[in-house]
Amino acid sequence: MSNDLFRVAVIGAGETGTPLLRKLLAAPFVELLGVADLDPEAPGMRLAEQRGVNTTTNFHDLAELGDGLDVLIDVTGVPAVRESLRKAMQETGNHHTVIVHEMVVQLMLSLLNGELVRLKHDTQDY
C-alpha cells in the first residue's frame, strides 16, 4: 500500500521529539495532526503552535483521532504511555493507526544523520 500523505501525530515534544518534529514539518508528504506533551512550554510544543499544529497536554486526545491518523509516534520513553495507547486502540477498534516506538525513531534518526543518535528522556511519569 502506497501513501501520498502520511497523517502523523507525536507524543513527546522535548529533546527527542523536537528534532523529529522539525523533520516531519519539513516533509511535504506528512500532515502533522497534533503534538502532545505534559509541558505546554516544551520546545516542540512551541514549534508546533508556531506552525499552526494542534497541541495538547493529554496524549489520549491524539489517540482519539481514530482512523484519521496513520502513524502515532511515541517518543516519551515511558512504557505506561505505550501500553495506554495500545489499550485505547483496542478499545476503540482502531486497526488503522500504527503506534511507533521511540526505538524505531532512534533507528530512523540515526540512519538520516549517518551516525547513532542518542535519545534523551526526562524521568516524568504520565
PDB file of N, CA and C in Angstrom:
ATOM      1  N   MET A   1       0.846  -1.172   0.000  1.00  0.00           N
ATOM      2  CA  MET A   1       0.000   0.000   0.000  1.00  0.00           C
ATOM      3  C   MET A   1       0.891   1.236   0.000  1.00  0.00           C
ATOM      4  N   SER A   2       0.620   2.159  -0.894  1.00  0.00           N
ATOM      5  CA  SER A   2       1.413   3.368  -1.030  1.00  0.00           C
ATOM      6  C   SER A   2       0.611   4.571  -0.548  1.00  0.00           C
ATOM      7  N   ASN A   3       1.257   5.446   0.212  1.00  0.00           N
ATOM      8  CA  ASN A   3       0.609   6.659   0.699  1.00  0.00           C
ATOM      9  C   ASN A   3       1.232   7.877   0.044  1.00  0.00           C
ATOM     10  N   ASP A   4       0.395   8.816  -0.361  1.00  0.00           N
ATOM     11  CA  ASP A   4       0.891  10.093  -0.863  1.00  0.00           C
ATOM     12  C   ASP A   4       1.060  11.079   0.282  1.00  0.00           C
ATOM     13  N   LEU A   5       0.312  10.867   1.363  1.00  0.00           N
ATOM     14  CA  LEU A   5       0.345  11.751   2.517  1.00  0.00           C
ATOM     15  C   LEU A   5       0.201  10.917   3.783  1.00  0.00           C
ATOM     16  N   PHE A   6       1.150  11.057   4.684  1.00  0.00           N
ATOM     17  CA  PHE A   6       1.091  10.370   5.971  1.00  0.00           C
ATOM     18  C   PHE A   6       0.524  11.334   7.009  1.00  0.00           C
ATOM     19  N   ARG A   7      -0.553  10.940   7.655  1.00  0.00           N
ATOM     20  CA  ARG A   7      -1.160  11.742   8.726  1.00  0.00           C
ATOM     21  C   ARG A   7      -0.567  11.258  10.040  1.00  0.00           C
ATOM     22  N   VAL A   8       0.195  12.141  10.697  1.00  0.00           N
ATOM     23  CA  VAL A   8       1.056  11.765  11.820  1.00  0.00           C
ATOM     24  C   VAL A   8       0.764  12.635  13.035  1.00  0.00           C
ATOM     25  N   ALA A   9       0.925  12.063  14.229  1.00  0.00           N
ATOM     26  CA  ALA A   9       0.896  12.808  15.485  1.00  0.00           C
ATOM     27  C   ALA A   9       2.064  12.321  16.330  1.00  0.00           C
ATOM     28  N   VAL A  10       2.552  13.186  17.213  1.00  0.00           N
ATOM     29  CA  VAL A  10       3.729  12.878  18.027  1.00  0.00           C
ATOM     30  C   VAL A  10       3.415  13.117  19.497  1.00  0.00           C
ATOM     31  N   ILE A  11       3.817  12.159  20.322  1.00  0.00           N
ATOM     32  CA  ILE A  11       3.722  12.301  21.774  1.00  0.00           C
ATOM     33  C   ILE A  11       5.138  12.440  22.304  1.00  0.00           C
ATOM     34  N   GLY A  12       5.420  13.568  22.912  1.00  0.00           N
ATOM     35  CA  GLY A  12       6.753  13.884  23.420  1.00  0.00           C
ATOM     36  C   GLY A  12       7.357  14.994  22.577  1.00  0.00           C
ATOM     37  N   ALA A  13       7.518  16.172  23.168  1.00  0.00           N
ATOM     38  CA  ALA A  13       7.964  17.337  22.405  1.00  0.00           C
ATOM     39  C   ALA A  13       9.178  18.002  23.058  1.00  0.00           C
ATOM     40  N   GLY A  14      10.004  17.174  23.677  1.00  0.00           N
ATOM     41  CA  GLY A  14      11.202  17.690  24.322  1.00  0.00           C
ATOM     42  C   GLY A  14      12.431  17.490  23.460  1.00  0.00           C
ATOM     43  N   GLU A  15      13.514  17.051  24.082  1.00  0.00           N
ATOM     44  CA  GLU A  15      14.792  16.909  23.379  1.00  0.00           C
ATOM     45  C   GLU A  15      14.770  15.846  22.291  1.00  0.00           C
ATOM     46  N   THR A  16      13.953  14.831  22.445  1.00  0.00           N
ATOM     47  CA  THR A  16      13.845  13.797  21.418  1.00  0.00           C
ATOM     48  C   THR A  16      12.809  14.168  20.370  1.00  0.00           C
ATOM     49  N   GLY A  17      11.666  14.635  20.814  1.00  0.00           N
ATOM     50  CA  GLY A  17      10.579  14.928  19.894  1.00  0.00           C
ATOM     51  C   GLY A  17      10.804  16.135  19.007  1.00  0.00           C
ATOM     52  N   THR A  18      11.503  17.144  19.504  1.00  0.00           N
ATOM     53  CA  THR A  18      11.660  18.379  18.728  1.00  0.00           C
ATOM     54  C   THR A  18      12.433  18.171  17.432  1.00  0.00           C
ATOM     55  N   PRO A  19      13.596  17.499  17.421  1.00  0.00           N
ATOM     56  CA  PRO A  19      14.270  17.256  16.141  1.00  0.00           C
ATOM     57  C   PRO A  19      13.408  16.435  15.174  1.00  0.00           C
ATOM     58  N   LEU A  20      12.676  15.493  15.716  1.00  0.00           N
ATOM     59  CA  LEU A  20      11.765  14.703  14.886  1.00  0.00           C
ATOM     60  C   LEU A  20      10.668  15.594  14.303  1.00  0.00           C
ATOM     61  N   LEU A  21      10.110  16.469  15.117  1.00  0.00           N
ATOM     62  CA  LEU A  21       9.068  17.374  14.644  1.00  0.00           C
ATOM     63  C   LEU A  21       9.580  18.265  13.520  1.00  0.00           C
ATOM     64  N   ARG A  22      10.808  18.737  13.630  1.00  0.00           N
ATOM     65  CA  ARG A  22      11.373  19.574  12.566  1.00  0.00           C
ATOM     66  C   ARG A  22      11.403  18.815  11.234  1.00  0.00           C
ATOM     67  N   LYS A  23      11.801  17.557  11.288  1.00  0.00           N
ATOM     68  CA  LYS A  23      11.860  16.745  10.069  1.00  0.00           C
ATOM     69  C   LYS A  23      10.451  16.483   9.522  1.00  0.00           C
ATOM     70  N   LEU A  24       9.511  16.202  10.399  1.00  0.00           N
ATOM     71  CA  LEU A  24       8.138  15.951   9.963  1.00  0.00           C
ATOM     72  C   LEU A  24       7.522  17.207   9.344  1.00  0.00           C
ATOM     73  N   LEU A  25       7.754  18.356   9.965  1.00  0.00           N
ATOM     74  CA  LEU A  25       7.201  19.610   9.459  1.00  0.00           C
ATOM     75  C   LEU A  25       7.796  19.995   8.106  1.00  0.00           C
ATOM     76  N   ALA A  26       9.022  19.571   7.857  1.00  0.00           N
ATOM     77  CA  ALA A  26       9.691  19.903   6.591  1.00  0.00           C
ATOM     78  C   ALA A  26       9.305  18.959   5.451  1.00  0.00           C
ATOM     79  N   ALA A  27       8.676  17.839   5.776  1.00  0.00           N
ATOM     80  CA  ALA A  27       8.344  16.835   4.760  1.00  0.00           C
ATOM     81  C   ALA A  27       7.007  17.167   4.097  1.00  0.00           C
ATOM     82  N   PRO A  28       6.993  17.367   2.783  1.00  0.00           N
ATOM     83  CA  PRO A  28       5.747  17.714   2.096  1.00  0.00           C
ATOM     84  C   PRO A  28       4.737  16.566   2.050  1.00  0.00           C
ATOM     85  N   PHE A  29       5.170  15.370   2.386  1.00  0.00           N
ATOM     86  CA  PHE A  29       4.296  14.196   2.345  1.00  0.00           C
ATOM     87  C   PHE A  29       3.770  13.823   3.729  1.00  0.00           C
ATOM     88  N   VAL A  30       3.954  14.728   4.707  1.00  0.00           N
ATOM     89  CA  VAL A  30       3.477  14.496   6.071  1.00  0.00           C
ATOM     90  C   VAL A  30       2.505  15.600   6.460  1.00  0.00           C
ATOM     91  N   GLU A  31       1.351  15.195   6.973  1.00  0.00           N
ATOM     92  CA  GLU A  31       0.425  16.135   7.590  1.00  0.00           C
ATOM     93  C   GLU A  31       0.492  15.884   9.091  1.00  0.00           C
ATOM     94  N   LEU A  32       1.027  16.835   9.836  1.00  0.00           N
ATOM     95  CA  LEU A  32       1.168  16.691  11.283  1.00  0.00           C
ATOM     96  C   LEU A  32      -0.144  17.124  11.925  1.00  0.00           C
ATOM     97  N   LEU A  33      -0.868  16.157  12.487  1.00  0.00           N
ATOM     98  CA  LEU A  33      -2.197  16.412  13.033  1.00  0.00           C
ATOM     99  C   LEU A  33      -2.185  16.888  14.474  1.00  0.00           C
ATOM    100  N   GLY A  34      -1.107  16.611  15.205  1.00  0.00           N
ATOM    101  CA  GLY A  34      -1.073  17.040  16.595  1.00  0.00           C
ATOM    102  C   GLY A  34       0.198  16.634  17.295  1.00  0.00           C
ATOM    103  N   VAL A  35       0.459  17.340  18.396  1.00  0.00           N
ATOM    104  CA  VAL A  35       1.619  17.076  19.241  1.00  0.00           C
ATOM    105  C   VAL A  35       1.150  17.126  20.691  1.00  0.00           C
ATOM    106  N   ALA A  36       1.606  16.165  21.490  1.00  0.00           N
ATOM    107  CA  ALA A  36       1.249  16.123  22.905  1.00  0.00           C
ATOM    108  C   ALA A  36       2.502  16.106  23.768  1.00  0.00           C
ATOM    109  N   ASP A  37       2.432  16.829  24.866  1.00  0.00           N
ATOM    110  CA  ASP A  37       3.489  16.793  25.874  1.00  0.00           C
ATOM    111  C   ASP A  37       2.881  17.312  27.174  1.00  0.00           C
ATOM    112  N   LEU A  38       3.363  16.806  28.297  1.00  0.00           N
ATOM    113  CA  LEU A  38       2.867  17.280  29.587  1.00  0.00           C
ATOM    114  C   LEU A  38       3.215  18.740  29.826  1.00  0.00           C
ATOM    115  N   ASP A  39       4.319  19.189  29.242  1.00  0.00           N
ATOM    116  CA  ASP A  39       4.788  20.562  29.412  1.00  0.00           C
ATOM    117  C   ASP A  39       4.355  21.403  28.215  1.00  0.00           C
ATOM    118  N   PRO A  40       3.376  22.279  28.383  1.00  0.00           N
ATOM    119  CA  PRO A  40       2.924  23.085  27.256  1.00  0.00           C
ATOM    120  C   PRO A  40       3.997  24.043  26.731  1.00  0.00           C
ATOM    121  N   GLU A  41       5.061  24.246  27.504  1.00  0.00           N
ATOM    122  CA  GLU A  41       6.156  25.128  27.090  1.00  0.00           C
ATOM    123  C   GLU A  41       7.342  24.361  26.515  1.00  0.00           C
ATOM    124  N   ALA A  42       7.199  23.053  26.330  1.00  0.00           N
ATOM    125  CA  ALA A  42       8.281  22.252  25.743  1.00  0.00           C
ATOM    126  C   ALA A  42       8.615  22.824  24.367  1.00  0.00           C
ATOM    127  N   PRO A  43       9.884  22.731  23.953  1.00  0.00           N
ATOM    128  CA  PRO A  43      10.276  23.338  22.679  1.00  0.00           C
ATOM    129  C   PRO A  43       9.466  22.844  21.478  1.00  0.00           C
ATOM    130  N   GLY A  44       9.153  21.569  21.449  1.00  0.00           N
ATOM    131  CA  GLY A  44       8.364  21.038  20.341  1.00  0.00           C
ATOM    132  C   GLY A  44       6.923  21.512  20.360  1.00  0.00           C
ATOM    133  N   MET A  45       6.391  21.764  21.543  1.00  0.00           N
ATOM    134  CA  MET A  45       5.030  22.300  21.651  1.00  0.00           C
ATOM    135  C   MET A  45       4.998  23.721  21.100  1.00  0.00           C
ATOM    136  N   ARG A  46       5.997  24.518  21.451  1.00  0.00           N
ATOM    137  CA  ARG A  46       6.059  25.897  20.940  1.00  0.00           C
ATOM    138  C   ARG A  46       6.237  25.892  19.420  1.00  0.00           C
ATOM    139  N   LEU A  47       7.111  24.996  18.925  1.00  0.00           N
ATOM    140  CA  LEU A  47       7.332  24.885  17.480  1.00  0.00           C
ATOM    141  C   LEU A  47       6.034  24.521  16.762  1.00  0.00           C
ATOM    142  N   ALA A  48       5.326  23.532  17.291  1.00  0.00           N
ATOM    143  CA  ALA A  48       4.069  23.097  16.681  1.00  0.00           C
ATOM    144  C   ALA A  48       3.060  24.237  16.661  1.00  0.00           C
ATOM    145  N   GLU A  49       2.931  24.942  17.770  1.00  0.00           N
ATOM    146  CA  GLU A  49       1.988  26.058  17.832  1.00  0.00           C
ATOM    147  C   GLU A  49       2.341  27.136  16.814  1.00  0.00           C
ATOM    148  N   GLN A  50       3.631  27.431  16.683  1.00  0.00           N
ATOM    149  CA  GLN A  50       4.077  28.439  15.709  1.00  0.00           C
ATOM    150  C   GLN A  50       3.715  28.034  14.289  1.00  0.00           C
ATOM    151  N   ARG A  51       3.681  26.735  14.031  1.00  0.00           N
ATOM    152  CA  ARG A  51       3.388  26.227  12.686  1.00  0.00           C
ATOM    153  C   ARG A  51       1.907  25.889  12.505  1.00  0.00           C
ATOM    154  N   GLY A  52       1.084  26.220  13.496  1.00  0.00           N
ATOM    155  CA  GLY A  52      -0.353  26.006  13.373  1.00  0.00           C
ATOM    156  C   GLY A  52      -0.818  24.583  13.610  1.00  0.00           C
ATOM    157  N   VAL A  53       0.004  23.787  14.272  1.00  0.00           N
ATOM    158  CA  VAL A  53      -0.338  22.391  14.566  1.00  0.00           C
ATOM    159  C   VAL A  53      -1.022  22.334  15.931  1.00  0.00           C
ATOM    160  N   ASN A  54      -2.082  21.539  16.042  1.00  0.00           N
ATOM    161  CA  ASN A  54      -2.771  21.368  17.317  1.00  0.00           C
ATOM    162  C   ASN A  54      -1.847  20.762  18.365  1.00  0.00           C
ATOM    163  N   THR A  55      -1.926  21.282  19.575  1.00  0.00           N
ATOM    164  CA  THR A  55      -1.143  20.742  20.682  1.00  0.00           C
ATOM    165  C   THR A  55      -2.078  20.411  21.843  1.00  0.00           C
ATOM    166  N   THR A  56      -1.626  19.490  22.680  1.00  0.00           N
ATOM    167  CA  THR A  56      -2.407  19.074  23.837  1.00  0.00           C
ATOM    168  C   THR A  56      -1.470  18.557  24.926  1.00  0.00           C
ATOM    169  N   THR A  57      -1.905  18.642  26.165  1.00  0.00           N
ATOM    170  CA  THR A  57      -1.147  18.052  27.264  1.00  0.00           C
ATOM    171  C   THR A  57      -1.688  16.664  27.615  1.00  0.00           C
ATOM    172  N   ASN A  58      -2.695  16.204  26.875  1.00  0.00           N
ATOM    173  CA  ASN A  58      -3.288  14.890  27.104  1.00  0.00           C
ATOM    174  C   ASN A  58      -3.082  14.025  25.857  1.00  0.00           C
ATOM    175  N   PHE A  59      -2.164  13.077  25.914  1.00  0.00           N
ATOM    176  CA  PHE A  59      -1.850  12.274  24.728  1.00  0.00           C
ATOM    177  C   PHE A  59      -3.039  11.455  24.233  1.00  0.00           C
ATOM    178  N   HIS A  60      -4.018  11.215  25.086  1.00  0.00           N
ATOM    179  CA  HIS A  60      -5.206  10.477  24.651  1.00  0.00           C
ATOM    180  C   HIS A  60      -6.002  11.256  23.603  1.00  0.00           C
ATOM    181  N   ASP A  61      -5.860  12.590  23.604  1.00  0.00           N
ATOM    182  CA  ASP A  61      -6.518  13.385  22.567  1.00  0.00           C
ATOM    183  C   ASP A  61      -6.056  12.948  21.179  1.00  0.00           C
ATOM    184  N   LEU A  62      -4.776  12.595  21.065  1.00  0.00           N
ATOM    185  CA  LEU A  62      -4.239  12.158  19.772  1.00  0.00           C
ATOM    186  C   LEU A  62      -4.730  10.757  19.423  1.00  0.00           C
ATOM    187  N   ALA A  63      -4.788   9.886  20.414  1.00  0.00           N
ATOM    188  CA  ALA A  63      -5.274   8.524  20.168  1.00  0.00           C
ATOM    189  C   ALA A  63      -6.730   8.553  19.710  1.00  0.00           C
ATOM    190  N   GLU A  64      -7.481   9.563  20.145  1.00  0.00           N
ATOM    191  CA  GLU A  64      -8.893   9.664  19.796  1.00  0.00           C
ATOM    192  C   GLU A  64      -9.116  10.160  18.369  1.00  0.00           C
ATOM    193  N   LEU A  65      -8.054  10.483  17.642  1.00  0.00           N
ATOM    194  CA  LEU A  65      -8.201  10.892  16.242  1.00  0.00           C
ATOM    195  C   LEU A  65      -8.664   9.733  15.366  1.00  0.00           C
ATOM    196  N   GLY A  66      -8.527   8.520  15.881  1.00  0.00           N
ATOM    197  CA  GLY A  66      -9.053   7.336  15.203  1.00  0.00           C
ATOM    198  C   GLY A  66      -8.411   7.059  13.862  1.00  0.00           C
ATOM    199  N   ASP A  67      -9.212   6.569  12.932  1.00  0.00           N
ATOM    200  CA  ASP A  67      -8.721   6.155  11.619  1.00  0.00           C
ATOM    201  C   ASP A  67      -8.206   7.321  10.781  1.00  0.00           C
ATOM    202  N   GLY A  68      -8.441   8.548  11.222  1.00  0.00           N
ATOM    203  CA  GLY A  68      -7.921   9.716  10.520  1.00  0.00           C
ATOM    204  C   GLY A  68      -6.435   9.918  10.752  1.00  0.00           C
ATOM    205  N   LEU A  69      -5.861   9.098  11.610  1.00  0.00           N
ATOM    206  CA  LEU A  69      -4.446   9.170  11.960  1.00  0.00           C
ATOM    207  C   LEU A  69      -3.754   7.906  11.472  1.00  0.00           C
ATOM    208  N   ASP A  70      -2.715   8.080  10.658  1.00  0.00           N
ATOM    209  CA  ASP A  70      -1.986   6.919  10.140  1.00  0.00           C
ATOM    210  C   ASP A  70      -0.921   6.424  11.118  1.00  0.00           C
ATOM    211  N   VAL A  71      -0.135   7.356  11.652  1.00  0.00           N
ATOM    212  CA  VAL A  71       1.011   6.994  12.486  1.00  0.00           C
ATOM    213  C   VAL A  71       1.015   7.849  13.747  1.00  0.00           C
ATOM    214  N   LEU A  72       1.078   7.197  14.896  1.00  0.00           N
ATOM    215  CA  LEU A  72       1.181   7.873  16.187  1.00  0.00           C
ATOM    216  C   LEU A  72       2.550   7.532  16.755  1.00  0.00           C
ATOM    217  N   ILE A  73       3.413   8.549  16.847  1.00  0.00           N
ATOM    218  CA  ILE A  73       4.796   8.333  17.269  1.00  0.00           C
ATOM    219  C   ILE A  73       4.933   8.691  18.742  1.00  0.00           C
ATOM    220  N   ASP A  74       5.377   7.725  19.538  1.00  0.00           N
ATOM    221  CA  ASP A  74       5.579   7.917  20.972  1.00  0.00           C
ATOM    222  C   ASP A  74       7.074   7.989  21.259  1.00  0.00           C
ATOM    223  N   VAL A  75       7.553   9.187  21.592  1.00  0.00           N
ATOM    224  CA  VAL A  75       8.968   9.348  21.938  1.00  0.00           C
ATOM    225  C   VAL A  75       9.129   9.763  23.398  1.00  0.00           C
ATOM    226  N   THR A  76       8.176   9.363  24.232  1.00  0.00           N
ATOM    227  CA  THR A  76       8.250   9.719  25.652  1.00  0.00           C
ATOM    228  C   THR A  76       9.253   8.848  26.409  1.00  0.00           C
ATOM    229  N   GLY A  77       9.444   7.630  25.943  1.00  0.00           N
ATOM    230  CA  GLY A  77      10.293   6.704  26.683  1.00  0.00           C
ATOM    231  C   GLY A  77       9.607   6.135  27.906  1.00  0.00           C
ATOM    232  N   VAL A  78       8.296   6.325  28.017  1.00  0.00           N
ATOM    233  CA  VAL A  78       7.537   5.879  29.181  1.00  0.00           C
ATOM    234  C   VAL A  78       6.693   4.670  28.779  1.00  0.00           C
ATOM    235  N   PRO A  79       7.035   3.471  29.282  1.00  0.00           N
ATOM    236  CA  PRO A  79       6.281   2.271  28.904  1.00  0.00           C
ATOM    237  C   PRO A  79       4.782   2.373  29.178  1.00  0.00           C
ATOM    238  N   ALA A  80       4.381   3.075  30.231  1.00  0.00           N
ATOM    239  CA  ALA A  80       2.955   3.201  30.557  1.00  0.00           C
ATOM    240  C   ALA A  80       2.199   3.957  29.466  1.00  0.00           C
ATOM    241  N   VAL A  81       2.863   4.893  28.796  1.00  0.00           N
ATOM    242  CA  VAL A  81       2.215   5.621  27.696  1.00  0.00           C
ATOM    243  C   VAL A  81       1.944   4.661  26.553  1.00  0.00           C
ATOM    244  N   ARG A  82       2.944   3.890  26.186  1.00  0.00           N
ATOM    245  CA  ARG A  82       2.807   2.924  25.087  1.00  0.00           C
ATOM    246  C   ARG A  82       1.682   1.929  25.391  1.00  0.00           C
ATOM    247  N   GLU A  83       1.638   1.433  26.609  1.00  0.00           N
ATOM    248  CA  GLU A  83       0.614   0.465  26.990  1.00  0.00           C
ATOM    249  C   GLU A  83      -0.776   1.105  26.961  1.00  0.00           C
ATOM    250  N   SER A  84      -0.871   2.329  27.433  1.00  0.00           N
ATOM    251  CA  SER A  84      -2.147   3.036  27.413  1.00  0.00           C
ATOM    252  C   SER A  84      -2.625   3.280  25.984  1.00  0.00           C
ATOM    253  N   LEU A  85      -1.699   3.583  25.093  1.00  0.00           N
ATOM    254  CA  LEU A  85      -2.047   3.781  23.681  1.00  0.00           C
ATOM    255  C   LEU A  85      -2.575   2.493  23.058  1.00  0.00           C
ATOM    256  N   ARG A  86      -1.885   1.399  23.327  1.00  0.00           N
ATOM    257  CA  ARG A  86      -2.338   0.100  22.796  1.00  0.00           C
ATOM    258  C   ARG A  86      -3.753  -0.215  23.268  1.00  0.00           C
ATOM    259  N   LYS A  87      -3.967   0.020  24.549  1.00  0.00           N
ATOM    260  CA  LYS A  87      -5.278  -0.266  25.129  1.00  0.00           C
ATOM    261  C   LYS A  87      -6.354   0.618  24.484  1.00  0.00           C
ATOM    262  N   ALA A  88      -6.054   1.885  24.286  1.00  0.00           N
ATOM    263  CA  ALA A  88      -7.015   2.798  23.660  1.00  0.00           C
ATOM    264  C   ALA A  88      -7.347   2.352  22.244  1.00  0.00           C
ATOM    265  N   MET A  89      -6.346   1.909  21.504  1.00  0.00           N
ATOM    266  CA  MET A  89      -6.580   1.446  20.131  1.00  0.00           C
ATOM    267  C   MET A  89      -7.467   0.201  20.123  1.00  0.00           C
ATOM    268  N   GLN A  90      -7.214  -0.693  21.058  1.00  0.00           N
ATOM    269  CA  GLN A  90      -8.028  -1.909  21.139  1.00  0.00           C
ATOM    270  C   GLN A  90      -9.466  -1.578  21.514  1.00  0.00           C
ATOM    271  N   GLU A  91      -9.630  -0.703  22.489  1.00  0.00           N
ATOM    272  CA  GLU A  91     -10.975  -0.369  22.966  1.00  0.00           C
ATOM    273  C   GLU A  91     -11.807   0.333  21.910  1.00  0.00           C
ATOM    274  N   THR A  92     -11.162   1.135  21.060  1.00  0.00           N
ATOM    275  CA  THR A  92     -11.895   1.861  20.029  1.00  0.00           C
ATOM    276  C   THR A  92     -11.992   1.080  18.723  1.00  0.00           C
ATOM    277  N   GLY A  93     -11.320  -0.063  18.645  1.00  0.00           N
ATOM    278  CA  GLY A  93     -11.344  -0.862  17.424  1.00  0.00           C
ATOM    279  C   GLY A  93     -10.523  -0.247  16.299  1.00  0.00           C
ATOM    280  N   ASN A  94      -9.591   0.618  16.639  1.00  0.00           N
ATOM    281  CA  ASN A  94      -8.741   1.261  15.632  1.00  0.00           C
ATOM    282  C   ASN A  94      -7.654   0.282  15.201  1.00  0.00           C
ATOM    283  N   HIS A  95      -7.823  -0.280  14.014  1.00  0.00           N
ATOM    284  CA  HIS A  95      -6.831  -1.208  13.466  1.00  0.00           C
ATOM    285  C   HIS A  95      -6.011  -0.534  12.369  1.00  0.00           C
ATOM    286  N   HIS A  96      -6.238   0.764  12.178  1.00  0.00           N
ATOM    287  CA  HIS A  96      -5.551   1.501  11.122  1.00  0.00           C
ATOM    288  C   HIS A  96      -4.265   2.173  11.613  1.00  0.00           C
ATOM    289  N   THR A  97      -4.354   2.888  12.723  1.00  0.00           N
ATOM    290  CA  THR A  97      -3.227   3.689  13.212  1.00  0.00           C
ATOM    291  C   THR A  97      -2.094   2.799  13.709  1.00  0.00           C
ATOM    292  N   VAL A  98      -0.886   3.116  13.268  1.00  0.00           N
ATOM    293  CA  VAL A  98       0.309   2.405  13.711  1.00  0.00           C
ATOM    294  C   VAL A  98       0.957   3.216  14.829  1.00  0.00           C
ATOM    295  N   ILE A  99       1.272   2.558  15.937  1.00  0.00           N
ATOM    296  CA  ILE A  99       1.999   3.207  17.028  1.00  0.00           C
ATOM    297  C   ILE A  99       3.479   2.922  16.824  1.00  0.00           C
ATOM    298  N   VAL A 100       4.266   3.988  16.733  1.00  0.00           N
ATOM    299  CA  VAL A 100       5.705   3.852  16.523  1.00  0.00           C
ATOM    300  C   VAL A 100       6.422   4.149  17.836  1.00  0.00           C
ATOM    301  N   HIS A 101       7.256   3.237  18.224  1.00  0.00           N
ATOM    302  CA  HIS A 101       8.015   3.245  19.471  1.00  0.00           C
ATOM    303  C   HIS A 101       9.281   4.081  19.300  1.00  0.00           C
ATOM    304  N   GLU A 102       9.776   4.660  20.383  1.00  0.00           N
ATOM    305  CA  GLU A 102      10.974   5.511  20.302  1.00  0.00           C
ATOM    306  C   GLU A 102      12.209   4.785  19.756  1.00  0.00           C
ATOM    307  N   MET A 103      12.272   3.475  19.889  1.00  0.00           N
ATOM    308  CA  MET A 103      13.418   2.744  19.351  1.00  0.00           C
ATOM    309  C   MET A 103      13.444   2.831  17.817  1.00  0.00           C
ATOM    310  N   VAL A 104      12.268   2.780  17.195  1.00  0.00           N
ATOM    311  CA  VAL A 104      12.184   2.921  15.740  1.00  0.00           C
ATOM    312  C   VAL A 104      12.590   4.343  15.336  1.00  0.00           C
ATOM    313  N   VAL A 105      12.163   5.323  16.123  1.00  0.00           N
ATOM    314  CA  VAL A 105      12.537   6.711  15.857  1.00  0.00           C
ATOM    315  C   VAL A 105      14.052   6.869  15.960  1.00  0.00           C
ATOM    316  N   GLN A 106      14.650   6.261  16.975  1.00  0.00           N
ATOM    317  CA  GLN A 106      16.105   6.336  17.137  1.00  0.00           C
ATOM    318  C   GLN A 106      16.810   5.743  15.922  1.00  0.00           C
ATOM    319  N   LEU A 107      16.325   4.621  15.436  1.00  0.00           N
ATOM    320  CA  LEU A 107      16.908   3.999  14.251  1.00  0.00           C
ATOM    321  C   LEU A 107      16.784   4.924  13.038  1.00  0.00           C
ATOM    322  N   MET A 108      15.587   5.465  12.798  1.00  0.00           N
ATOM    323  CA  MET A 108      15.365   6.324  11.631  1.00  0.00           C
ATOM    324  C   MET A 108      16.211   7.598  11.703  1.00  0.00           C
ATOM    325  N   LEU A 109      16.256   8.250  12.868  1.00  0.00           N
ATOM    326  CA  LEU A 109      17.065   9.462  13.010  1.00  0.00           C
ATOM    327  C   LEU A 109      18.552   9.144  12.836  1.00  0.00           C
ATOM    328  N   SER A 110      18.976   8.005  13.343  1.00  0.00           N
ATOM    329  CA  SER A 110      20.380   7.605  13.190  1.00  0.00           C
ATOM    330  C   SER A 110      20.721   7.370  11.726  1.00  0.00           C
ATOM    331  N   LEU A 111      19.835   6.710  11.004  1.00  0.00           N
ATOM    332  CA  LEU A 111      20.064   6.486   9.573  1.00  0.00           C
ATOM    333  C   LEU A 111      20.125   7.810   8.817  1.00  0.00           C
ATOM    334  N   LEU A 112      19.220   8.724   9.137  1.00  0.00           N
ATOM    335  CA  LEU A 112      19.197  10.029   8.471  1.00  0.00           C
ATOM    336  C   LEU A 112      20.452  10.852   8.765  1.00  0.00           C
ATOM    337  N   ASN A 113      20.962  10.722   9.999  1.00  0.00           N
ATOM    338  CA  ASN A 113      22.135  11.501  10.404  1.00  0.00           C
ATOM    339  C   ASN A 113      23.456  10.811  10.079  1.00  0.00           C
ATOM    340  N   GLY A 114      23.394   9.553   9.684  1.00  0.00           N
ATOM    341  CA  GLY A 114      24.617   8.828   9.347  1.00  0.00           C
ATOM    342  C   GLY A 114      25.443   8.428  10.552  1.00  0.00           C
ATOM    343  N   GLU A 115      24.882   8.528  11.731  1.00  0.00           N
ATOM    344  CA  GLU A 115      25.552   8.104  12.971  1.00  0.00           C
ATOM    345  C   GLU A 115      24.497   7.858  14.034  1.00  0.00           C
ATOM    346  N   LEU A 116      24.895   7.122  15.055  1.00  0.00           N
ATOM    347  CA  LEU A 116      23.956   6.784  16.123  1.00  0.00           C
ATOM    348  C   LEU A 116      23.501   8.040  16.856  1.00  0.00           C
ATOM    349  N   VAL A 117      22.205   8.212  16.947  1.00  0.00           N
ATOM    350  CA  VAL A 117      21.606   9.321  17.684  1.00  0.00           C
ATOM    351  C   VAL A 117      21.167   8.780  19.034  1.00  0.00           C
ATOM    352  N   ARG A 118      21.584   9.441  20.092  1.00  0.00           N
ATOM    353  CA  ARG A 118      21.172   9.054  21.444  1.00  0.00           C
ATOM    354  C   ARG A 118      19.915   9.826  21.802  1.00  0.00           C
ATOM    355  N   LEU A 119      18.916   9.129  22.296  1.00  0.00           N
ATOM    356  CA  LEU A 119      17.686   9.780  22.713  1.00  0.00           C
ATOM    357  C   LEU A 119      17.808  10.186  24.175  1.00  0.00           C
ATOM    358  N   LYS A 120      17.190  11.308  24.485  1.00  0.00           N
ATOM    359  CA  LYS A 120      17.214  11.813  25.853  1.00  0.00           C
ATOM    360  C   LYS A 120      15.786  11.867  26.356  1.00  0.00           C
ATOM    361  N   HIS A 121      15.575  11.362  27.556  1.00  0.00           N
ATOM    362  CA  HIS A 121      14.243  11.388  28.151  1.00  0.00           C
ATOM    363  C   HIS A 121      14.343  11.873  29.573  1.00  0.00           C
ATOM    364  N   ASP A 122      13.356  12.675  29.970  1.00  0.00           N
ATOM    365  CA  ASP A 122      13.214  13.030  31.365  1.00  0.00           C
ATOM    366  C   ASP A 122      12.612  11.831  32.094  1.00  0.00           C
ATOM    367  N   THR A 123      12.565  11.918  33.397  1.00  0.00           N
ATOM    368  CA  THR A 123      12.008  10.820  34.177  1.00  0.00           C
ATOM    369  C   THR A 123      10.566  11.104  34.558  1.00  0.00           C
ATOM    370  N   GLN A 124       9.888  11.986  33.815  1.00  0.00           N
ATOM    371  CA  GLN A 124       8.492  12.303  34.114  1.00  0.00           C
ATOM    372  C   GLN A 124       7.621  11.078  33.954  1.00  0.00           C
ATOM    373  N   ASP A 125       6.646  10.968  34.830  1.00  0.00           N
ATOM    374  CA  ASP A 125       5.627   9.937  34.693  1.00  0.00           C
ATOM    375  C   ASP A 125       4.408  10.556  34.043  1.00  0.00           C
ATOM    376  N   TYR A 126       3.667   9.739  33.308  1.00  0.00           N
ATOM    377  CA  TYR A 126       2.452  10.205  32.674  1.00  0.00           C
ATOM    378  C   TYR A 126       1.259   9.629  33.385  1.00  0.00           C
TER     379      TYR A 126
END
